[in-house]
Amino acid sequence: MPTDAAQARSALNPWRLAGWGAVAALLLLPWVAMQFTRQVAWTPSDFAFAAGLLIGAGALLELTLWKVRDVRYRAAVGLAILAAVLLIWADGAVGIF
């Protein structure tokens, strides 16, 4: 059974912190841009959509890294999640699909 110290170390993994920090930065970027230009005009629903998409993808990636041990499968699932996020984001941005 893992100890409290082992759980604390896994929660403070630098890759994990970087990934969730990137999600936070991607969500803050449009808000900061809205302070300087009128060309970026996100509504609260846009932020909710982006947050759901990015947090959902991050949670799926966390689940994959937790359950899958083979590095090749981890990479394949990670690339599939990234491709799905980019496809959904592109469709949400310009509605080409």
C-alpha atoms as a PDB file:
ATOM      1  CA  MET A   1       0.000   0.000   0.000  1.00  0.00           C
ATOM      2  CA  PRO A   2       1.469   3.403  -0.932  1.00  0.00           C
ATOM      3  CA  THR A   3       2.500   5.695   1.848  1.00  0.00           C
ATOM      4  CA  ASP A   4       1.486   9.323   2.175  1.00  0.00           C
ATOM      5  CA  ALA A   5       4.991  10.367   1.076  1.00  0.00           C
ATOM      6  CA  ALA A   6       4.710   8.270  -2.104  1.00  0.00           C
ATOM      7  CA  GLN A   7       1.326   9.822  -2.912  1.00  0.00           C
ATOM      8  CA  ALA A   8       2.737  13.322  -2.343  1.00  0.00           C
ATOM      9  CA  ARG A   9       5.679  12.592  -4.675  1.00  0.00           C
ATOM     10  CA  SER A  10       3.365  11.339  -7.423  1.00  0.00           C
ATOM     11  CA  ALA A  11       1.143  14.418  -7.089  1.00  0.00           C
ATOM     12  CA  LEU A  12       4.183  16.702  -7.432  1.00  0.00           C
ATOM     13  CA  ASN A  13       5.546  15.003 -10.533  1.00  0.00           C
ATOM     14  CA  PRO A  14       7.077  17.784 -12.696  1.00  0.00           C
ATOM     15  CA  TRP A  15       5.516  16.404 -15.905  1.00  0.00           C
ATOM     16  CA  ARG A  16       2.124  16.302 -14.280  1.00  0.00           C
ATOM     17  CA  LEU A  17       2.463  19.862 -13.012  1.00  0.00           C
ATOM     18  CA  ALA A  18       3.647  21.023 -16.446  1.00  0.00           C
ATOM     19  CA  GLY A  19       0.682  19.377 -18.171  1.00  0.00           C
ATOM     20  CA  TRP A  20      -1.953  20.883 -15.900  1.00  0.00           C
ATOM     21  CA  GLY A  21      -0.088  24.198 -15.978  1.00  0.00           C
ATOM     22  CA  ALA A  22      -0.307  24.128 -19.778  1.00  0.00           C
ATOM     23  CA  VAL A  23      -4.068  23.554 -19.536  1.00  0.00           C
ATOM     24  CA  ALA A  24      -4.374  26.551 -17.218  1.00  0.00           C
ATOM     25  CA  ALA A  25      -2.191  28.693 -19.504  1.00  0.00           C
ATOM     26  CA  LEU A  26      -4.258  27.770 -22.565  1.00  0.00           C
ATOM     27  CA  LEU A  27      -7.408  28.802 -20.719  1.00  0.00           C
ATOM     28  CA  LEU A  28      -5.893  32.091 -19.533  1.00  0.00           C
ATOM     29  CA  LEU A  29      -4.432  33.049 -22.909  1.00  0.00           C
ATOM     30  CA  PRO A  30      -7.727  34.188 -24.525  1.00  0.00           C
ATOM     31  CA  TRP A  31      -8.718  36.069 -21.372  1.00  0.00           C
ATOM     32  CA  VAL A  32      -5.424  37.993 -21.408  1.00  0.00           C
ATOM     33  CA  ALA A  33      -5.758  38.644 -25.154  1.00  0.00           C
ATOM     34  CA  MET A  34      -9.260  40.035 -24.580  1.00  0.00           C
ATOM     35  CA  GLN A  35      -7.742  42.716 -22.347  1.00  0.00           C
ATOM     36  CA  PHE A  36      -5.638  44.071 -25.225  1.00  0.00           C
ATOM     37  CA  THR A  37      -7.645  43.586 -28.415  1.00  0.00           C
ATOM     38  CA  ARG A  38     -11.238  43.425 -29.597  1.00  0.00           C
ATOM     39  CA  GLN A  39     -10.415  40.675 -32.105  1.00  0.00           C
ATOM     40  CA  VAL A  40     -10.605  38.082 -29.336  1.00  0.00           C
ATOM     41  CA  ALA A  41     -14.170  38.024 -28.012  1.00  0.00           C
ATOM     42  CA  TRP A  42     -14.830  34.879 -26.003  1.00  0.00           C
ATOM     43  CA  THR A  43     -18.070  34.433 -24.086  1.00  0.00           C
ATOM     44  CA  PRO A  44     -18.385  32.477 -20.842  1.00  0.00           C
ATOM     45  CA  SER A  45     -19.713  29.535 -22.853  1.00  0.00           C
ATOM     46  CA  ASP A  46     -16.533  29.586 -24.983  1.00  0.00           C
ATOM     47  CA  PHE A  47     -14.434  29.354 -21.840  1.00  0.00           C
ATOM     48  CA  ALA A  48     -16.649  26.557 -20.492  1.00  0.00           C
ATOM     49  CA  PHE A  49     -16.312  24.620 -23.766  1.00  0.00           C
ATOM     50  CA  ALA A  50     -12.531  25.031 -23.806  1.00  0.00           C
ATOM     51  CA  ALA A  51     -12.245  24.101 -20.123  1.00  0.00           C
ATOM     52  CA  GLY A  52     -14.352  20.984 -20.610  1.00  0.00           C
ATOM     53  CA  LEU A  53     -12.353  19.945 -23.641  1.00  0.00           C
ATOM     54  CA  LEU A  54      -8.917  20.520 -22.102  1.00  0.00           C
ATOM     55  CA  ILE A  55      -9.722  19.185 -18.636  1.00  0.00           C
ATOM     56  CA  GLY A  56     -11.442  16.157 -20.155  1.00  0.00           C
ATOM     57  CA  ALA A  57      -8.447  15.438 -22.361  1.00  0.00           C
ATOM     58  CA  GLY A  58      -6.118  15.867 -19.398  1.00  0.00           C
ATOM     59  CA  ALA A  59      -8.195  13.490 -17.308  1.00  0.00           C
ATOM     60  CA  LEU A  60      -8.198  10.904 -20.107  1.00  0.00           C
ATOM     61  CA  LEU A  61      -4.434  11.235 -20.393  1.00  0.00           C
ATOM     62  CA  GLU A  62      -4.044  10.845 -16.608  1.00  0.00           C
ATOM     63  CA  LEU A  63      -6.204   7.710 -16.729  1.00  0.00           C
ATOM     64  CA  THR A  64      -4.153   6.336 -19.610  1.00  0.00           C
ATOM     65  CA  LEU A  65      -0.864   6.962 -17.838  1.00  0.00           C
ATOM     66  CA  TRP A  66      -2.231   5.349 -14.695  1.00  0.00           C
ATOM     67  CA  LYS A  67      -3.652   2.204 -16.320  1.00  0.00           C
ATOM     68  CA  VAL A  68      -1.403   1.493 -19.332  1.00  0.00           C
ATOM     69  CA  ARG A  69       2.145   0.304 -18.683  1.00  0.00           C
ATOM     70  CA  ASP A  70       3.458  -0.153 -22.237  1.00  0.00           C
ATOM     71  CA  VAL A  71       5.127   3.039 -23.471  1.00  0.00           C
ATOM     72  CA  ARG A  72       4.061   2.420 -27.075  1.00  0.00           C
ATOM     73  CA  TYR A  73       0.387   2.211 -26.121  1.00  0.00           C
ATOM     74  CA  ARG A  74       0.733   5.290 -23.921  1.00  0.00           C
ATOM     75  CA  ALA A  75       2.210   7.233 -26.846  1.00  0.00           C
ATOM     76  CA  ALA A  76      -0.483   5.994 -29.240  1.00  0.00           C
ATOM     77  CA  VAL A  77      -3.321   6.921 -26.898  1.00  0.00           C
ATOM     78  CA  GLY A  78      -1.677  10.273 -26.123  1.00  0.00           C
ATOM     79  CA  LEU A  79      -1.424  11.095 -29.832  1.00  0.00           C
ATOM     80  CA  ALA A  80      -5.034  10.006 -30.379  1.00  0.00           C
ATOM     81  CA  ILE A  81      -6.197  12.286 -27.546  1.00  0.00           C
ATOM     82  CA  LEU A  82      -4.158  15.178 -28.944  1.00  0.00           C
ATOM     83  CA  ALA A  83      -5.572  14.623 -32.446  1.00  0.00           C
ATOM     84  CA  ALA A  84      -9.122  14.508 -31.084  1.00  0.00           C
ATOM     85  CA  VAL A  85      -8.623  17.734 -29.107  1.00  0.00           C
ATOM     86  CA  LEU A  86      -7.175  19.545 -32.128  1.00  0.00           C
ATOM     87  CA  LEU A  87      -9.984  18.297 -34.378  1.00  0.00           C
ATOM     88  CA  ILE A  88     -12.709  19.347 -31.945  1.00  0.00           C
ATOM     89  CA  TRP A  89     -11.000  22.696 -31.313  1.00  0.00           C
ATOM     90  CA  ALA A  90     -10.722  23.415 -35.061  1.00  0.00           C
ATOM     91  CA  ASP A  91     -14.353  22.523 -35.610  1.00  0.00           C
ATOM     92  CA  GLY A  92     -15.410  24.703 -32.689  1.00  0.00           C
ATOM     93  CA  ALA A  93     -13.325  27.599 -33.965  1.00  0.00           C
ATOM     94  CA  VAL A  94     -14.480  27.729 -37.577  1.00  0.00           C
ATOM     95  CA  GLY A  95     -17.100  24.993 -37.958  1.00  0.00           C
ATOM     96  CA  ILE A  96     -15.570  23.280 -40.989  1.00  0.00           C
ATOM     97  CA  PHE A  97     -16.945  19.824 -40.245  1.00  0.00           C
END
